[in-house]
Amino acid sequence: MRAKLTFPLIVAFAAAFAAQVEGMMVTRWASDRSTACSASSPTGACELNGVVSFLAGTFFAVETLAATLTALVLYRNRKRFSAAVTATALVVALAVEHAWLLTYAH
């Protein structure tokens, strides 16, 4: 049983790590473009951005981990349609979240 889950776990954790880093970078970039971080704002106005970007990256990582692991296990159990639905839902959720971050930055 352990050998059957090794590959899905490795892939899911690698995807989660990539989502964590990418989520932090996108959130940090979006928050740096907001008006709260302009040159005329107070010094401490952007201090929270590091915490927020870490939390957003963690949220991206957790949902990516869960969806990737679920899709891989479903695929392995020959439930290909369910695996495709899970993967599609992950892509749509990440696209909506990124679109929201990018519109927030303006």
Protein backbone atom coordinates (compact mmCIF):
# COMPACT_ATOMS: atom_id res chain seq x y z
CA MET A 1 0.00 0.00 0.00
CA ARG A 2 2.82 2.37 0.86
CA ALA A 3 4.51 1.81 -2.49
CA LYS A 4 1.28 2.60 -4.34
CA LEU A 5 1.04 6.02 -2.70
CA THR A 6 4.70 7.01 -2.93
CA PHE A 7 4.52 8.49 -6.43
CA PRO A 8 1.26 10.42 -5.88
CA LEU A 9 2.58 11.81 -2.60
CA ILE A 10 5.86 12.94 -4.15
CA VAL A 11 4.06 14.61 -7.06
CA ALA A 12 1.46 16.23 -4.78
CA PHE A 13 4.06 17.63 -2.37
CA ALA A 14 6.21 18.92 -5.24
CA ALA A 15 3.15 20.65 -6.72
CA ALA A 16 2.27 22.08 -3.30
CA PHE A 17 5.79 23.46 -2.84
CA ALA A 18 5.70 25.06 -6.29
CA ALA A 19 2.26 26.53 -5.52
CA GLN A 20 3.54 27.93 -2.19
CA VAL A 21 6.45 29.71 -3.84
CA GLU A 22 4.41 30.92 -6.81
CA GLY A 23 1.53 32.08 -4.61
CA MET A 24 3.88 34.05 -2.38
CA MET A 25 5.58 35.68 -5.35
CA VAL A 26 2.32 36.66 -7.08
CA THR A 27 0.81 37.97 -3.85
CA ARG A 28 3.94 39.94 -2.98
CA TRP A 29 4.07 41.40 -6.50
CA ALA A 30 0.36 42.32 -6.40
CA SER A 31 0.63 43.91 -2.95
CA ASP A 32 3.70 45.93 -3.93
CA ARG A 33 1.71 47.45 -6.79
CA SER A 34 -1.18 48.56 -4.55
CA THR A 35 -1.58 52.18 -3.46
CA ALA A 36 -0.85 51.26 0.16
CA CYS A 37 2.79 50.74 -0.80
CA SER A 38 3.33 54.02 -2.64
CA ALA A 39 6.29 56.25 -1.86
CA SER A 40 4.06 58.74 -0.01
CA SER A 41 2.54 56.13 2.33
CA PRO A 42 3.79 55.65 5.91
CA THR A 43 6.79 53.41 6.53
CA GLY A 44 4.79 50.58 8.12
CA ALA A 45 2.09 50.47 5.45
CA CYS A 46 3.63 47.50 3.65
CA GLU A 47 4.83 45.46 6.64
CA LEU A 48 1.81 43.19 6.57
CA ASN A 49 2.43 42.21 2.94
CA GLY A 50 4.98 39.57 3.91
CA VAL A 51 2.54 37.86 6.26
CA VAL A 52 -0.32 38.10 3.77
CA SER A 53 1.81 36.72 0.94
CA PHE A 54 2.91 33.78 3.09
CA LEU A 55 -0.70 33.00 4.06
CA ALA A 56 -1.90 33.28 0.46
CA GLY A 57 0.93 31.04 -0.71
CA THR A 58 0.05 28.53 1.98
CA PHE A 59 -3.58 28.58 0.87
CA PHE A 60 -2.50 27.92 -2.72
CA ALA A 61 -0.24 25.10 -1.53
CA VAL A 62 -2.91 23.38 0.57
CA GLU A 63 -5.53 23.43 -2.16
CA THR A 64 -2.98 22.27 -4.73
CA LEU A 65 -1.81 19.44 -2.46
CA ALA A 66 -5.35 18.24 -1.82
CA ALA A 67 -6.54 18.45 -5.42
CA THR A 68 -3.39 16.94 -6.91
CA LEU A 69 -3.33 14.02 -4.50
CA THR A 70 -7.04 13.41 -4.99
CA ALA A 71 -6.74 13.52 -8.79
CA LEU A 72 -3.73 11.17 -8.82
CA VAL A 73 -5.40 8.62 -6.56
CA LEU A 74 -8.62 8.78 -8.59
CA TYR A 75 -6.62 8.34 -11.78
CA ARG A 76 -4.77 5.36 -10.31
CA ASN A 77 -8.10 3.79 -9.33
CA ARG A 78 -9.31 4.08 -12.93
CA LYS A 79 -11.74 6.90 -12.26
CA ARG A 80 -10.37 9.06 -15.04
CA PHE A 81 -13.39 11.35 -15.41
CA SER A 82 -13.39 12.19 -11.69
CA ALA A 83 -9.66 12.83 -11.83
CA ALA A 84 -10.15 15.18 -14.78
CA VAL A 85 -12.94 17.03 -12.96
CA THR A 86 -10.71 17.44 -9.89
CA ALA A 87 -7.77 18.72 -11.93
CA THR A 88 -10.01 21.10 -13.88
CA ALA A 89 -11.51 22.45 -10.66
CA LEU A 90 -8.01 23.12 -9.33
CA VAL A 91 -7.00 25.01 -12.47
CA VAL A 92 -10.20 27.07 -12.42
CA ALA A 93 -9.82 27.89 -8.71
CA LEU A 94 -6.21 28.98 -9.16
CA ALA A 95 -7.14 31.06 -12.22
CA VAL A 96 -9.91 32.85 -10.31
CA GLU A 97 -7.61 33.52 -7.36
CA HIS A 98 -4.85 34.87 -9.59
CA ALA A 99 -7.32 37.06 -11.48
CA TRP A 100 -8.55 38.46 -8.19
CA LEU A 101 -4.98 39.18 -7.06
CA LEU A 102 -4.16 40.91 -10.32
CA THR A 103 -7.28 43.09 -10.18
CA TYR A 104 -6.56 43.87 -6.53
CA ALA A 105 -3.17 45.25 -7.55
CA HIS A 106 -4.67 48.12 -9.54
